[in-house]
Amino acid sequence: MSTGLQQLDQPALAHRWRISPRTLEGWRLRKQGPPFLKVGGKVLYRLTDIEAYEQAQLRRAGA
């Protein structure tokens, strides 16, 4: 049964945002960036958390 929950691993999120995977590692160490899961030693980001984080980063011109 699929819950529709989607996740991206660190390389996929780094590619999506055009940043280095090491940047994501640094953010995790500094408790920045989107929430993440660690499952079996693998870091995963839920798509819903990624989209919420992106929404929170929106800036208006002149703001």
N, C-alpha and C. Protein backbone atom coordinates (compact mmCIF):
# COMPACT_ATOMS: atom_id res chain seq x y z
N MET A 1 0.85 -1.19 0.00
CA MET A 1 0.00 0.00 0.00
C MET A 1 0.88 1.24 0.00
N SER A 2 0.70 2.11 -0.95
CA SER A 2 1.50 3.32 -1.06
C SER A 2 0.80 4.47 -0.36
N THR A 3 1.56 5.20 0.44
CA THR A 3 1.01 6.36 1.15
C THR A 3 1.17 7.62 0.33
N GLY A 4 1.91 7.53 -0.79
CA GLY A 4 2.15 8.71 -1.61
C GLY A 4 3.27 9.58 -1.06
N LEU A 5 3.89 9.15 0.03
CA LEU A 5 4.98 9.91 0.62
C LEU A 5 6.21 9.76 -0.26
N GLN A 6 6.79 10.87 -0.65
CA GLN A 6 7.97 10.84 -1.49
C GLN A 6 9.14 11.45 -0.74
N GLN A 7 10.32 10.89 -0.96
CA GLN A 7 11.52 11.42 -0.34
C GLN A 7 12.59 11.61 -1.40
N LEU A 8 13.52 12.52 -1.11
CA LEU A 8 14.71 12.70 -1.93
C LEU A 8 15.91 12.42 -1.04
N ASP A 9 16.93 11.79 -1.61
CA ASP A 9 18.16 11.62 -0.84
C ASP A 9 19.00 12.89 -1.01
N GLN A 10 20.12 12.93 -0.33
CA GLN A 10 20.96 14.13 -0.34
C GLN A 10 21.42 14.53 -1.75
N PRO A 11 21.93 13.59 -2.56
CA PRO A 11 22.34 13.99 -3.91
C PRO A 11 21.18 14.54 -4.75
N ALA A 12 20.00 13.95 -4.61
CA ALA A 12 18.84 14.41 -5.40
C ALA A 12 18.41 15.81 -4.98
N LEU A 13 18.41 16.10 -3.68
CA LEU A 13 18.04 17.44 -3.22
C LEU A 13 19.10 18.45 -3.63
N ALA A 14 20.36 18.07 -3.52
CA ALA A 14 21.44 18.97 -3.94
C ALA A 14 21.29 19.31 -5.43
N HIS A 15 20.96 18.31 -6.24
CA HIS A 15 20.74 18.54 -7.67
C HIS A 15 19.54 19.46 -7.89
N ARG A 16 18.45 19.22 -7.16
CA ARG A 16 17.23 20.04 -7.30
C ARG A 16 17.53 21.51 -7.04
N TRP A 17 18.34 21.77 -6.01
CA TRP A 17 18.65 23.14 -5.62
C TRP A 17 19.94 23.67 -6.24
N ARG A 18 20.63 22.84 -7.01
CA ARG A 18 21.89 23.23 -7.65
C ARG A 18 22.93 23.70 -6.62
N ILE A 19 23.06 22.92 -5.55
CA ILE A 19 24.05 23.18 -4.52
C ILE A 19 24.85 21.90 -4.29
N SER A 20 25.92 22.03 -3.57
CA SER A 20 26.75 20.88 -3.26
C SER A 20 26.10 20.02 -2.18
N PRO A 21 26.24 18.71 -2.26
CA PRO A 21 25.77 17.86 -1.16
C PRO A 21 26.44 18.23 0.16
N ARG A 22 27.67 18.72 0.09
CA ARG A 22 28.38 19.15 1.30
C ARG A 22 27.69 20.34 1.97
N THR A 23 27.05 21.18 1.18
CA THR A 23 26.29 22.30 1.75
C THR A 23 25.16 21.76 2.61
N LEU A 24 24.46 20.75 2.12
CA LEU A 24 23.38 20.15 2.90
C LEU A 24 23.92 19.53 4.19
N GLU A 25 25.08 18.90 4.10
CA GLU A 25 25.70 18.32 5.31
C GLU A 25 25.99 19.40 6.33
N GLY A 26 26.55 20.52 5.87
CA GLY A 26 26.84 21.64 6.77
C GLY A 26 25.58 22.19 7.41
N TRP A 27 24.52 22.31 6.62
CA TRP A 27 23.25 22.80 7.17
C TRP A 27 22.74 21.88 8.27
N ARG A 28 22.84 20.57 8.04
CA ARG A 28 22.37 19.63 9.07
C ARG A 28 23.18 19.79 10.35
N LEU A 29 24.48 19.95 10.22
CA LEU A 29 25.32 20.13 11.40
C LEU A 29 24.96 21.40 12.17
N ARG A 30 24.57 22.44 11.44
CA ARG A 30 24.21 23.73 12.05
C ARG A 30 22.71 23.85 12.34
N LYS A 31 21.99 22.71 12.13
CA LYS A 31 20.53 22.68 12.35
C LYS A 31 19.81 23.73 11.50
N GLN A 32 20.22 23.81 10.23
CA GLN A 32 19.58 24.69 9.25
C GLN A 32 18.96 23.82 8.17
N GLY A 33 18.24 24.46 7.27
CA GLY A 33 17.66 23.73 6.15
C GLY A 33 16.41 22.97 6.54
N PRO A 34 15.91 22.17 5.63
CA PRO A 34 14.66 21.44 5.88
C PRO A 34 14.88 20.27 6.83
N PRO A 35 13.82 19.83 7.51
CA PRO A 35 13.92 18.63 8.35
C PRO A 35 14.34 17.42 7.50
N PHE A 36 14.96 16.45 8.15
CA PHE A 36 15.42 15.27 7.43
C PHE A 36 15.19 14.02 8.27
N LEU A 37 15.20 12.89 7.59
CA LEU A 37 15.11 11.58 8.24
C LEU A 37 16.45 10.88 8.07
N LYS A 38 16.81 10.07 9.03
CA LYS A 38 17.99 9.23 8.87
C LYS A 38 17.51 7.80 9.04
N VAL A 39 17.53 7.05 7.94
CA VAL A 39 17.02 5.68 7.94
C VAL A 39 18.15 4.75 7.48
N GLY A 40 18.55 3.88 8.36
CA GLY A 40 19.62 2.94 8.01
C GLY A 40 20.90 3.62 7.59
N GLY A 41 21.20 4.77 8.18
CA GLY A 41 22.41 5.50 7.84
C GLY A 41 22.27 6.39 6.62
N LYS A 42 21.12 6.36 5.97
CA LYS A 42 20.88 7.18 4.78
C LYS A 42 20.03 8.39 5.15
N VAL A 43 20.43 9.55 4.68
CA VAL A 43 19.69 10.79 4.93
C VAL A 43 18.64 10.96 3.84
N LEU A 44 17.40 11.19 4.26
CA LEU A 44 16.29 11.41 3.34
C LEU A 44 15.54 12.67 3.72
N TYR A 45 15.04 13.36 2.72
CA TYR A 45 14.22 14.56 2.92
C TYR A 45 12.84 14.29 2.34
N ARG A 46 11.80 14.52 3.13
CA ARG A 46 10.44 14.33 2.62
C ARG A 46 10.09 15.48 1.68
N LEU A 47 9.45 15.16 0.58
CA LEU A 47 9.08 16.16 -0.41
C LEU A 47 8.20 17.25 0.19
N THR A 48 7.31 16.88 1.08
CA THR A 48 6.44 17.89 1.72
C THR A 48 7.27 18.88 2.53
N ASP A 49 8.32 18.39 3.22
CA ASP A 49 9.19 19.29 4.00
C ASP A 49 10.02 20.18 3.09
N ILE A 50 10.48 19.61 1.98
CA ILE A 50 11.26 20.39 1.01
C ILE A 50 10.41 21.53 0.46
N GLU A 51 9.19 21.21 0.06
CA GLU A 51 8.31 22.23 -0.51
C GLU A 51 7.95 23.29 0.51
N ALA A 52 7.73 22.90 1.76
CA ALA A 52 7.43 23.88 2.82
C ALA A 52 8.63 24.79 3.05
N TYR A 53 9.83 24.22 3.04
CA TYR A 53 11.05 25.01 3.22
C TYR A 53 11.21 25.99 2.06
N GLU A 54 10.98 25.52 0.85
CA GLU A 54 11.08 26.41 -0.31
C GLU A 54 10.08 27.56 -0.20
N GLN A 55 8.87 27.25 0.22
CA GLN A 55 7.84 28.28 0.36
C GLN A 55 8.26 29.32 1.40
N ALA A 56 8.87 28.88 2.49
CA ALA A 56 9.30 29.78 3.54
C ALA A 56 10.45 30.68 3.08
N GLN A 57 11.16 30.28 2.03
CA GLN A 57 12.30 31.07 1.55
C GLN A 57 11.90 32.12 0.53
N LEU A 58 10.65 32.13 0.10
CA LEU A 58 10.20 33.11 -0.90
C LEU A 58 10.37 34.52 -0.37
N ARG A 59 10.87 35.38 -1.23
CA ARG A 59 11.04 36.80 -0.89
C ARG A 59 10.39 37.64 -1.99
N ARG A 60 9.79 38.71 -1.58
CA ARG A 60 9.20 39.64 -2.52
C ARG A 60 10.24 40.72 -2.87
N ALA A 61 10.20 41.18 -4.11
CA ALA A 61 11.10 42.25 -4.53
C ALA A 61 10.84 43.50 -3.68
N GLY A 62 11.88 44.12 -3.22
CA GLY A 62 11.76 45.34 -2.42
C GLY A 62 11.41 45.09 -0.97
N ALA A 63 11.32 43.83 -0.57
CA ALA A 63 10.95 43.54 0.82
C ALA A 63 12.18 43.46 1.70
